[in-house]
């Protein structure tokens, strides 16, 4: 049984996928892996995530991933602004237990 989640593709499509897409799970970059048993001129490749490897399930556009990262950064800045001071205060375990009444 094939251990891969993504289908093999022709070299041109694989290179386009690598250039324009990222992993749909972690938004990691892609690398191309030559499918065993395929030879020139009919070589097939799989575009796999640098982090997920054979567990790569699919792709999303780099544009989408970049926009989502921008939104997340903006939301983080908004939360930090709204809750200023909470992120800087670090309590020890003993202080937390004391505050809880233990």
PDB file of N, CA and C in Angstrom:
ATOM      1  N   UNK A   1       0.844  -1.188   0.000  1.00  0.00           N
ATOM      2  CA  UNK A   1       0.000   0.000   0.000  1.00  0.00           C
ATOM      3  C   UNK A   1       0.882   1.242   0.000  1.00  0.00           C
ATOM      4  N   UNK A   2       0.469   2.250  -0.730  1.00  0.00           N
ATOM      5  CA  UNK A   2       1.217   3.492  -0.862  1.00  0.00           C
ATOM      6  C   UNK A   2       1.127   4.294   0.440  1.00  0.00           C
ATOM      7  N   UNK A   3       2.262   4.698   0.974  1.00  0.00           N
ATOM      8  CA  UNK A   3       2.282   5.444   2.231  1.00  0.00           C
ATOM      9  C   UNK A   3       1.997   6.937   2.052  1.00  0.00           C
ATOM     10  N   UNK A   4       1.965   7.414   0.826  1.00  0.00           N
ATOM     11  CA  UNK A   4       1.804   8.838   0.554  1.00  0.00           C
ATOM     12  C   UNK A   4       0.334   9.241   0.490  1.00  0.00           C
ATOM     13  N   UNK A   5       0.063  10.490   0.889  1.00  0.00           N
ATOM     14  CA  UNK A   5      -1.287  11.034   0.860  1.00  0.00           C
ATOM     15  C   UNK A   5      -1.569  11.803  -0.432  1.00  0.00           C
ATOM     16  N   UNK A   6      -0.506  12.248  -1.118  1.00  0.00           N
ATOM     17  CA  UNK A   6      -0.675  13.053  -2.329  1.00  0.00           C
ATOM     18  C   UNK A   6      -0.304  12.233  -3.557  1.00  0.00           C
ATOM     19  N   UNK A   7      -0.936  12.559  -4.657  1.00  0.00           N
ATOM     20  CA  UNK A   7      -0.738  11.827  -5.903  1.00  0.00           C
ATOM     21  C   UNK A   7       0.509  12.308  -6.642  1.00  0.00           C
ATOM     22  N   UNK A   8       1.155  11.406  -7.391  1.00  0.00           N
ATOM     23  CA  UNK A   8       2.272  11.818  -8.244  1.00  0.00           C
ATOM     24  C   UNK A   8       1.772  12.734  -9.363  1.00  0.00           C
ATOM     25  N   UNK A   9       2.668  13.559  -9.875  1.00  0.00           N
ATOM     26  CA  UNK A   9       2.305  14.470 -10.963  1.00  0.00           C
ATOM     27  C   UNK A   9       3.476  14.630 -11.912  1.00  0.00           C
ATOM     28  N   UNK A  10       3.174  15.114 -13.114  1.00  0.00           N
ATOM     29  CA  UNK A  10       4.202  15.353 -14.120  1.00  0.00           C
ATOM     30  C   UNK A  10       5.164  16.428 -13.612  1.00  0.00           C
ATOM     31  N   UNK A  11       6.363  16.433 -14.165  1.00  0.00           N
ATOM     32  CA  UNK A  11       7.405  17.337 -13.687  1.00  0.00           C
ATOM     33  C   UNK A  11       6.992  18.806 -13.734  1.00  0.00           C
ATOM     34  N   UNK A  12       6.396  19.257 -14.834  1.00  0.00           N
ATOM     35  CA  UNK A  12       5.996  20.656 -14.958  1.00  0.00           C
ATOM     36  C   UNK A  12       4.991  21.068 -13.901  1.00  0.00           C
ATOM     37  N   UNK A  13       3.974  20.245 -13.695  1.00  0.00           N
ATOM     38  CA  UNK A  13       2.970  20.528 -12.686  1.00  0.00           C
ATOM     39  C   UNK A  13       3.586  20.494 -11.293  1.00  0.00           C
ATOM     40  N   UNK A  14       4.480  19.561 -11.067  1.00  0.00           N
ATOM     41  CA  UNK A  14       5.140  19.457  -9.763  1.00  0.00           C
ATOM     42  C   UNK A  14       5.956  20.715  -9.463  1.00  0.00           C
ATOM     43  N   UNK A  15       6.675  21.209 -10.452  1.00  0.00           N
ATOM     44  CA  UNK A  15       7.484  22.429 -10.250  1.00  0.00           C
ATOM     45  C   UNK A  15       6.586  23.649 -10.015  1.00  0.00           C
ATOM     46  N   UNK A  16       5.476  23.743 -10.735  1.00  0.00           N
ATOM     47  CA  UNK A  16       4.517  24.827 -10.500  1.00  0.00           C
ATOM     48  C   UNK A  16       3.924  24.743  -9.094  1.00  0.00           C
ATOM     49  N   UNK A  17       3.593  23.538  -8.678  1.00  0.00           N
ATOM     50  CA  UNK A  17       3.041  23.325  -7.338  1.00  0.00           C
ATOM     51  C   UNK A  17       4.048  23.763  -6.282  1.00  0.00           C
ATOM     52  N   UNK A  18       5.287  23.372  -6.456  1.00  0.00           N
ATOM     53  CA  UNK A  18       6.338  23.749  -5.507  1.00  0.00           C
ATOM     54  C   UNK A  18       6.509  25.269  -5.448  1.00  0.00           C
ATOM     55  N   UNK A  19       6.386  25.931  -6.577  1.00  0.00           N
ATOM     56  CA  UNK A  19       6.604  27.379  -6.645  1.00  0.00           C
ATOM     57  C   UNK A  19       5.437  28.192  -6.079  1.00  0.00           C
ATOM     58  N   UNK A  20       4.202  27.685  -6.193  1.00  0.00           N
ATOM     59  CA  UNK A  20       3.023  28.496  -5.878  1.00  0.00           C
ATOM     60  C   UNK A  20       2.234  28.052  -4.653  1.00  0.00           C
ATOM     61  N   UNK A  21       2.559  26.887  -4.110  1.00  0.00           N
ATOM     62  CA  UNK A  21       1.769  26.328  -3.019  1.00  0.00           C
ATOM     63  C   UNK A  21       2.623  25.998  -1.810  1.00  0.00           C
ATOM     64  N   UNK A  22       1.945  25.785  -0.680  1.00  0.00           N
ATOM     65  CA  UNK A  22       2.572  25.336   0.563  1.00  0.00           C
ATOM     66  C   UNK A  22       1.731  24.190   1.124  1.00  0.00           C
ATOM     67  N   UNK A  23       2.228  23.537   2.142  1.00  0.00           N
ATOM     68  CA  UNK A  23       1.498  22.446   2.799  1.00  0.00           C
ATOM     69  C   UNK A  23       0.195  22.987   3.384  1.00  0.00           C
ATOM     70  N   UNK A  24      -0.891  22.259   3.200  1.00  0.00           N
ATOM     71  CA  UNK A  24      -2.193  22.711   3.695  1.00  0.00           C
ATOM     72  C   UNK A  24      -2.315  22.570   5.212  1.00  0.00           C
ATOM     73  N   UNK A  25      -1.435  21.815   5.832  1.00  0.00           N
ATOM     74  CA  UNK A  25      -1.531  21.605   7.275  1.00  0.00           C
ATOM     75  C   UNK A  25      -0.670  22.576   8.080  1.00  0.00           C
ATOM     76  N   UNK A  26       0.594  22.739   7.672  1.00  0.00           N
ATOM     77  CA  UNK A  26       1.505  23.567   8.471  1.00  0.00           C
ATOM     78  C   UNK A  26       2.025  24.784   7.716  1.00  0.00           C
ATOM     79  N   UNK A  27       1.640  24.917   6.449  1.00  0.00           N
ATOM     80  CA  UNK A  27       2.074  26.006   5.579  1.00  0.00           C
ATOM     81  C   UNK A  27       3.575  25.976   5.331  1.00  0.00           C
ATOM     82  N   UNK A  28       4.168  24.799   5.465  1.00  0.00           N
ATOM     83  CA  UNK A  28       5.592  24.646   5.197  1.00  0.00           C
ATOM     84  C   UNK A  28       5.859  24.601   3.699  1.00  0.00           C
ATOM     85  N   UNK A  29       7.102  24.885   3.317  1.00  0.00           N
ATOM     86  CA  UNK A  29       7.509  24.827   1.920  1.00  0.00           C
ATOM     87  C   UNK A  29       7.492  23.400   1.395  1.00  0.00           C
ATOM     88  N   UNK A  30       7.545  23.260   0.090  1.00  0.00           N
ATOM     89  CA  UNK A  30       7.476  21.950  -0.551  1.00  0.00           C
ATOM     90  C   UNK A  30       8.785  21.601  -1.229  1.00  0.00           C
ATOM     91  N   UNK A  31       9.074  20.323  -1.306  1.00  0.00           N
ATOM     92  CA  UNK A  31      10.191  19.818  -2.101  1.00  0.00           C
ATOM     93  C   UNK A  31       9.657  18.727  -3.012  1.00  0.00           C
ATOM     94  N   UNK A  32      10.385  18.443  -4.073  1.00  0.00           N
ATOM     95  CA  UNK A  32       9.940  17.422  -5.031  1.00  0.00           C
ATOM     96  C   UNK A  32      10.694  16.132  -4.807  1.00  0.00           C
ATOM     97  N   UNK A  33       9.949  15.049  -4.827  1.00  0.00           N
ATOM     98  CA  UNK A  33      10.537  13.720  -4.689  1.00  0.00           C
ATOM     99  C   UNK A  33      10.198  12.919  -5.945  1.00  0.00           C
ATOM    100  N   UNK A  34      11.223  12.386  -6.577  1.00  0.00           N
ATOM    101  CA  UNK A  34      11.034  11.566  -7.765  1.00  0.00           C
ATOM    102  C   UNK A  34      10.349  10.261  -7.371  1.00  0.00           C
ATOM    103  N   UNK A  35       9.316   9.893  -8.105  1.00  0.00           N
ATOM    104  CA  UNK A  35       8.594   8.649  -7.828  1.00  0.00           C
ATOM    105  C   UNK A  35       9.423   7.493  -8.376  1.00  0.00           C
ATOM    106  N   UNK A  36       9.683   6.513  -7.523  1.00  0.00           N
ATOM    107  CA  UNK A  36      10.476   5.347  -7.934  1.00  0.00           C
ATOM    108  C   UNK A  36       9.850   4.646  -9.126  1.00  0.00           C
ATOM    109  N   UNK A  37      10.709   4.197 -10.017  1.00  0.00           N
ATOM    110  CA  UNK A  37      10.245   3.442 -11.172  1.00  0.00           C
ATOM    111  C   UNK A  37       9.820   4.294 -12.349  1.00  0.00           C
ATOM    112  N   UNK A  38       9.901   5.618 -12.229  1.00  0.00           N
ATOM    113  CA  UNK A  38       9.568   6.475 -13.363  1.00  0.00           C
ATOM    114  C   UNK A  38      10.869   6.990 -13.977  1.00  0.00           C
ATOM    115  N   UNK A  39      10.901   7.083 -15.284  1.00  0.00           N
ATOM    116  CA  UNK A  39      12.116   7.453 -16.000  1.00  0.00           C
ATOM    117  C   UNK A  39      11.819   8.510 -17.044  1.00  0.00           C
ATOM    118  N   UNK A  40      12.854   9.241 -17.428  1.00  0.00           N
ATOM    119  CA  UNK A  40      12.748  10.255 -18.460  1.00  0.00           C
ATOM    120  C   UNK A  40      12.229   9.616 -19.733  1.00  0.00           C
ATOM    121  N   UNK A  41      11.317  10.195 -20.460  1.00  0.00           N
ATOM    122  CA  UNK A  41      10.722  11.528 -20.302  1.00  0.00           C
ATOM    123  C   UNK A  41       9.436  11.524 -19.485  1.00  0.00           C
ATOM    124  N   UNK A  42       9.068  10.406 -18.907  1.00  0.00           N
ATOM    125  CA  UNK A  42       7.786  10.316 -18.186  1.00  0.00           C
ATOM    126  C   UNK A  42       7.975  10.241 -16.675  1.00  0.00           C
ATOM    127  N   UNK A  43       8.924  10.994 -16.166  1.00  0.00           N
ATOM    128  CA  UNK A  43       9.152  10.995 -14.723  1.00  0.00           C
ATOM    129  C   UNK A  43       7.959  11.609 -14.010  1.00  0.00           C
ATOM    130  N   UNK A  44       7.672  11.071 -12.836  1.00  0.00           N
ATOM    131  CA  UNK A  44       6.618  11.609 -11.979  1.00  0.00           C
ATOM    132  C   UNK A  44       7.235  12.037 -10.655  1.00  0.00           C
ATOM    133  N   UNK A  45       6.646  13.059 -10.074  1.00  0.00           N
ATOM    134  CA  UNK A  45       7.132  13.598  -8.813  1.00  0.00           C
ATOM    135  C   UNK A  45       5.983  13.762  -7.840  1.00  0.00           C
ATOM    136  N   UNK A  46       6.328  13.780  -6.565  1.00  0.00           N
ATOM    137  CA  UNK A  46       5.384  14.166  -5.527  1.00  0.00           C
ATOM    138  C   UNK A  46       5.924  15.445  -4.912  1.00  0.00           C
ATOM    139  N   UNK A  47       5.047  16.413  -4.688  1.00  0.00           N
ATOM    140  CA  UNK A  47       5.416  17.628  -3.969  1.00  0.00           C
ATOM    141  C   UNK A  47       5.097  17.367  -2.499  1.00  0.00           C
ATOM    142  N   UNK A  48       6.141  17.302  -1.680  1.00  0.00           N
ATOM    143  CA  UNK A  48       5.983  16.973  -0.271  1.00  0.00           C
ATOM    144  C   UNK A  48       6.432  18.129   0.615  1.00  0.00           C
ATOM    145  N   UNK A  49       5.810  18.249   1.764  1.00  0.00           N
ATOM    146  CA  UNK A  49       6.149  19.297   2.723  1.00  0.00           C
ATOM    147  C   UNK A  49       7.504  19.007   3.357  1.00  0.00           C
ATOM    148  N   UNK A  50       8.277  20.058   3.543  1.00  0.00           N
ATOM    149  CA  UNK A  50       9.585  19.930   4.180  1.00  0.00           C
ATOM    150  C   UNK A  50       9.445  19.384   5.597  1.00  0.00           C
ATOM    151  N   UNK A  51       8.374  19.769   6.299  1.00  0.00           N
ATOM    152  CA  UNK A  51       8.166  19.333   7.682  1.00  0.00           C
ATOM    153  C   UNK A  51       7.384  18.017   7.776  1.00  0.00           C
ATOM    154  N   UNK A  52       6.321  17.888   6.985  1.00  0.00           N
ATOM    155  CA  UNK A  52       5.406  16.738   7.095  1.00  0.00           C
ATOM    156  C   UNK A  52       5.853  15.524   6.290  1.00  0.00           C
ATOM    157  N   UNK A  53       6.649  15.723   5.251  1.00  0.00           N
ATOM    158  CA  UNK A  53       7.141  14.617   4.430  1.00  0.00           C
ATOM    159  C   UNK A  53       6.022  13.805   3.817  1.00  0.00           C
ATOM    160  N   UNK A  54       6.091  12.479   3.992  1.00  0.00           N
ATOM    161  CA  UNK A  54       5.112  11.576   3.387  1.00  0.00           C
ATOM    162  C   UNK A  54       3.700  11.796   3.927  1.00  0.00           C
ATOM    163  N   UNK A  55       3.573  12.467   5.065  1.00  0.00           N
ATOM    164  CA  UNK A  55       2.260  12.731   5.653  1.00  0.00           C
ATOM    165  C   UNK A  55       1.575  13.956   5.037  1.00  0.00           C
ATOM    166  N   UNK A  56       2.195  14.582   4.040  1.00  0.00           N
ATOM    167  CA  UNK A  56       1.590  15.742   3.376  1.00  0.00           C
ATOM    168  C   UNK A  56       0.220  15.340   2.841  1.00  0.00           C
ATOM    169  N   UNK A  57      -0.817  16.091   3.208  1.00  0.00           N
ATOM    170  CA  UNK A  57      -2.176  15.744   2.801  1.00  0.00           C
ATOM    171  C   UNK A  57      -2.674  16.553   1.623  1.00  0.00           C
ATOM    172  N   UNK A  58      -2.103  17.739   1.409  1.00  0.00           N
ATOM    173  CA  UNK A  58      -2.568  18.583   0.321  1.00  0.00           C
ATOM    174  C   UNK A  58      -1.846  19.913   0.331  1.00  0.00           C
ATOM    175  N   UNK A  59      -2.361  20.839  -0.469  1.00  0.00           N
ATOM    176  CA  UNK A  59      -1.688  22.116  -0.660  1.00  0.00           C
ATOM    177  C   UNK A  59      -2.678  23.266  -0.552  1.00  0.00           C
ATOM    178  N   UNK A  60      -2.155  24.425  -0.214  1.00  0.00           N
ATOM    179  CA  UNK A  60      -2.905  25.669  -0.280  1.00  0.00           C
ATOM    180  C   UNK A  60      -1.969  26.710  -0.887  1.00  0.00           C
ATOM    181  N   UNK A  61      -2.535  27.757  -1.449  1.00  0.00           N
ATOM    182  CA  UNK A  61      -1.683  28.732  -2.125  1.00  0.00           C
ATOM    183  C   UNK A  61      -0.822  29.495  -1.123  1.00  0.00           C
ATOM    184  N   UNK A  62       0.357  29.896  -1.577  1.00  0.00           N
ATOM    185  CA  UNK A  62       1.218  30.727  -0.738  1.00  0.00           C
ATOM    186  C   UNK A  62       0.510  32.033  -0.401  1.00  0.00           C
ATOM    187  N   UNK A  63      -0.268  32.558  -1.352  1.00  0.00           N
ATOM    188  CA  UNK A  63      -1.001  33.803  -1.127  1.00  0.00           C
ATOM    189  C   UNK A  63      -1.946  33.667   0.069  1.00  0.00           C
ATOM    190  N   UNK A  64      -2.713  32.583   0.114  1.00  0.00           N
ATOM    191  CA  UNK A  64      -3.637  32.360   1.227  1.00  0.00           C
ATOM    192  C   UNK A  64      -2.874  32.268   2.550  1.00  0.00           C
ATOM    193  N   UNK A  65      -1.801  31.492   2.574  1.00  0.00           N
ATOM    194  CA  UNK A  65      -1.026  31.311   3.800  1.00  0.00           C
ATOM    195  C   UNK A  65      -0.437  32.638   4.277  1.00  0.00           C
ATOM    196  N   UNK A  66       0.074  33.442   3.355  1.00  0.00           N
ATOM    197  CA  UNK A  66       0.652  34.728   3.727  1.00  0.00           C
ATOM    198  C   UNK A  66      -0.406  35.669   4.283  1.00  0.00           C
ATOM    199  N   UNK A  67      -1.589  35.704   3.664  1.00  0.00           N
ATOM    200  CA  UNK A  67      -2.683  36.550   4.159  1.00  0.00           C
ATOM    201  C   UNK A  67      -3.130  36.091   5.549  1.00  0.00           C
ATOM    202  N   UNK A  68      -3.216  34.789   5.761  1.00  0.00           N
ATOM    203  CA  UNK A  68      -3.616  34.266   7.067  1.00  0.00           C
ATOM    204  C   UNK A  68      -2.571  34.602   8.129  1.00  0.00           C
ATOM    205  N   UNK A  69      -1.301  34.536   7.780  1.00  0.00           N
ATOM    206  CA  UNK A  69      -0.238  34.928   8.720  1.00  0.00           C
ATOM    207  C   UNK A  69      -0.350  36.408   9.070  1.00  0.00           C
ATOM    208  N   UNK A  70      -0.637  37.246   8.080  1.00  0.00           N
ATOM    209  CA  UNK A  70      -0.801  38.687   8.321  1.00  0.00           C
ATOM    210  C   UNK A  70      -1.969  38.944   9.274  1.00  0.00           C
ATOM    211  N   UNK A  71      -3.090  38.248   9.045  1.00  0.00           N
ATOM    212  CA  UNK A  71      -4.252  38.404   9.933  1.00  0.00           C
ATOM    213  C   UNK A  71      -3.904  37.967  11.353  1.00  0.00           C
ATOM    214  N   UNK A  72      -3.196  36.857  11.476  1.00  0.00           N
ATOM    215  CA  UNK A  72      -2.822  36.363  12.803  1.00  0.00           C
ATOM    216  C   UNK A  72      -1.909  37.341  13.522  1.00  0.00           C
ATOM    217  N   UNK A  73      -0.960  37.919  12.802  1.00  0.00           N
ATOM    218  CA  UNK A  73      -0.050  38.900  13.414  1.00  0.00           C
ATOM    219  C   UNK A  73      -0.820  40.135  13.861  1.00  0.00           C
ATOM    220  N   UNK A  74      -1.785  40.575  13.044  1.00  0.00           N
ATOM    221  CA  UNK A  74      -2.595  41.738  13.406  1.00  0.00           C
ATOM    222  C   UNK A  74      -3.450  41.436  14.636  1.00  0.00           C
ATOM    223  N   UNK A  75      -4.021  40.245  14.706  1.00  0.00           N
ATOM    224  CA  UNK A  75      -4.828  39.859  15.867  1.00  0.00           C
ATOM    225  C   UNK A  75      -3.978  39.787  17.128  1.00  0.00           C
ATOM    226  N   UNK A  76      -2.756  39.258  17.007  1.00  0.00           N
ATOM    227  CA  UNK A  76      -1.858  39.185  18.151  1.00  0.00           C
ATOM    228  C   UNK A  76      -1.519  40.585  18.651  1.00  0.00           C
ATOM    229  N   UNK A  77      -1.241  41.503  17.736  1.00  0.00           N
ATOM    230  CA  UNK A  77      -0.929  42.882  18.122  1.00  0.00           C
ATOM    231  C   UNK A  77      -2.118  43.515  18.834  1.00  0.00           C
ATOM    232  N   UNK A  78      -3.324  43.243  18.349  1.00  0.00           N
ATOM    233  CA  UNK A  78      -4.535  43.790  18.968  1.00  0.00           C
ATOM    234  C   UNK A  78      -4.725  43.245  20.378  1.00  0.00           C
ATOM    235  N   UNK A  79      -4.509  41.948  20.555  1.00  0.00           N
ATOM    236  CA  UNK A  79      -4.656  41.330  21.877  1.00  0.00           C
ATOM    237  C   UNK A  79      -3.593  41.867  22.830  1.00  0.00           C
ATOM    238  N   UNK A  80      -2.368  41.974  22.355  1.00  0.00           N
ATOM    239  CA  UNK A  80      -1.295  42.506  23.209  1.00  0.00           C
ATOM    240  C   UNK A  80      -1.605  43.930  23.641  1.00  0.00           C
ATOM    241  N   UNK A  81      -2.164  44.719  22.750  1.00  0.00           N
ATOM    242  CA  UNK A  81      -2.522  46.097  23.073  1.00  0.00           C
ATOM    243  C   UNK A  81      -3.662  46.135  24.091  1.00  0.00           C
ATOM    244  N   UNK A  82      -4.658  45.302  23.898  1.00  0.00           N
ATOM    245  CA  UNK A  82      -5.827  45.291  24.780  1.00  0.00           C
ATOM    246  C   UNK A  82      -5.490  44.749  26.171  1.00  0.00           C
ATOM    247  N   UNK A  83      -4.555  43.830  26.246  1.00  0.00           N
ATOM    248  CA  UNK A  83      -4.197  43.198  27.518  1.00  0.00           C
ATOM    249  C   UNK A  83      -2.779  43.559  27.927  1.00  0.00           C
ATOM    250  N   UNK A  84      -2.404  44.813  27.666  1.00  0.00           N
ATOM    251  CA  UNK A  84      -1.054  45.282  27.970  1.00  0.00           C
ATOM    252  C   UNK A  84      -0.735  45.038  29.438  1.00  0.00           C
ATOM    253  N   UNK A  85       0.435  44.516  29.688  1.00  0.00           N
ATOM    254  CA  UNK A  85       0.870  44.279  31.055  1.00  0.00           C
ATOM    255  C   UNK A  85       0.701  42.838  31.495  1.00  0.00           C
ATOM    256  N   UNK A  86      -0.259  42.137  30.950  1.00  0.00           N
ATOM    257  CA  UNK A  86      -0.465  40.743  31.354  1.00  0.00           C
ATOM    258  C   UNK A  86       0.620  39.818  30.804  1.00  0.00           C
ATOM    259  N   UNK A  87       1.123  40.141  29.630  1.00  0.00           N
ATOM    260  CA  UNK A  87       2.104  39.263  29.008  1.00  0.00           C
ATOM    261  C   UNK A  87       3.483  39.410  29.638  1.00  0.00           C
ATOM    262  N   UNK A  88       3.749  40.563  30.257  1.00  0.00           N
ATOM    263  CA  UNK A  88       5.058  40.783  30.835  1.00  0.00           C
ATOM    264  C   UNK A  88       5.190  40.167  32.227  1.00  0.00           C
ATOM    265  N   UNK A  89       4.075  40.043  32.938  1.00  0.00           N
ATOM    266  CA  UNK A  89       4.113  39.544  34.310  1.00  0.00           C
ATOM    267  C   UNK A  89       4.227  38.022  34.307  1.00  0.00           C
ATOM    268  N   UNK A  90       5.325  37.535  34.844  1.00  0.00           N
ATOM    269  CA  UNK A  90       5.542  36.091  34.960  1.00  0.00           C
ATOM    270  C   UNK A  90       5.579  35.729  36.450  1.00  0.00           C
ATOM    271  N   UNK A  91       4.727  34.813  36.848  1.00  0.00           N
ATOM    272  CA  UNK A  91       4.698  34.378  38.231  1.00  0.00           C
ATOM    273  C   UNK A  91       5.373  33.023  38.363  1.00  0.00           C
ATOM    274  N   UNK A  92       5.963  32.816  39.529  1.00  0.00           N
ATOM    275  CA  UNK A  92       6.538  31.506  39.824  1.00  0.00           C
ATOM    276  C   UNK A  92       5.403  30.568  40.210  1.00  0.00           C
ATOM    277  N   UNK A  93       5.690  29.303  40.247  1.00  0.00           N
ATOM    278  CA  UNK A  93       4.691  28.311  40.660  1.00  0.00           C
ATOM    279  C   UNK A  93       4.232  28.598  42.084  1.00  0.00           C
ATOM    280  N   UNK A  94       5.159  28.972  42.941  1.00  0.00           N
ATOM    281  CA  UNK A  94       4.818  29.276  44.345  1.00  0.00           C
ATOM    282  C   UNK A  94       3.856  30.468  44.429  1.00  0.00           C
ATOM    283  N   UNK A  95       4.091  31.508  43.626  1.00  0.00           N
ATOM    284  CA  UNK A  95       3.217  32.679  43.619  1.00  0.00           C
ATOM    285  C   UNK A  95       1.818  32.320  43.127  1.00  0.00           C
ATOM    286  N   UNK A  96       1.754  31.510  42.095  1.00  0.00           N
ATOM    287  CA  UNK A  96       0.454  31.082  41.574  1.00  0.00           C
ATOM    288  C   UNK A  96      -0.306  30.277  42.622  1.00  0.00           C
ATOM    289  N   UNK A  97       0.375  29.341  43.261  1.00  0.00           N
ATOM    290  CA  UNK A  97      -0.276  28.525  44.308  1.00  0.00           C
ATOM    291  C   UNK A  97      -0.754  29.401  45.454  1.00  0.00           C
ATOM    292  N   UNK A  98       0.037  30.381  45.850  1.00  0.00           N
ATOM    293  CA  UNK A  98      -0.351  31.304  46.923  1.00  0.00           C
ATOM    294  C   UNK A  98      -1.597  32.093  46.540  1.00  0.00           C
ATOM    295  N   UNK A  99      -1.609  32.606  45.303  1.00  0.00           N
ATOM    296  CA  UNK A  99      -2.765  33.368  44.824  1.00  0.00           C
ATOM    297  C   UNK A  99      -4.036  32.510  44.786  1.00  0.00           C
ATOM    298  N   UNK A 100      -3.864  31.213  44.590  1.00  0.00           N
ATOM    299  CA  UNK A 100      -5.005  30.297  44.548  1.00  0.00           C
ATOM    300  C   UNK A 100      -5.421  29.825  45.954  1.00  0.00           C
ATOM    301  N   UNK A 101      -4.644  30.224  46.970  1.00  0.00           N
ATOM    302  CA  UNK A 101      -4.996  29.878  48.340  1.00  0.00           C
ATOM    303  C   UNK A 101      -4.371  28.607  48.860  1.00  0.00           C
ATOM    304  N   UNK A 102      -3.341  28.142  48.217  1.00  0.00           N
ATOM    305  CA  UNK A 102      -2.670  26.929  48.664  1.00  0.00           C
ATOM    306  C   UNK A 102      -1.382  27.263  49.399  1.00  0.00           C
TER     307      UNK A 102
END
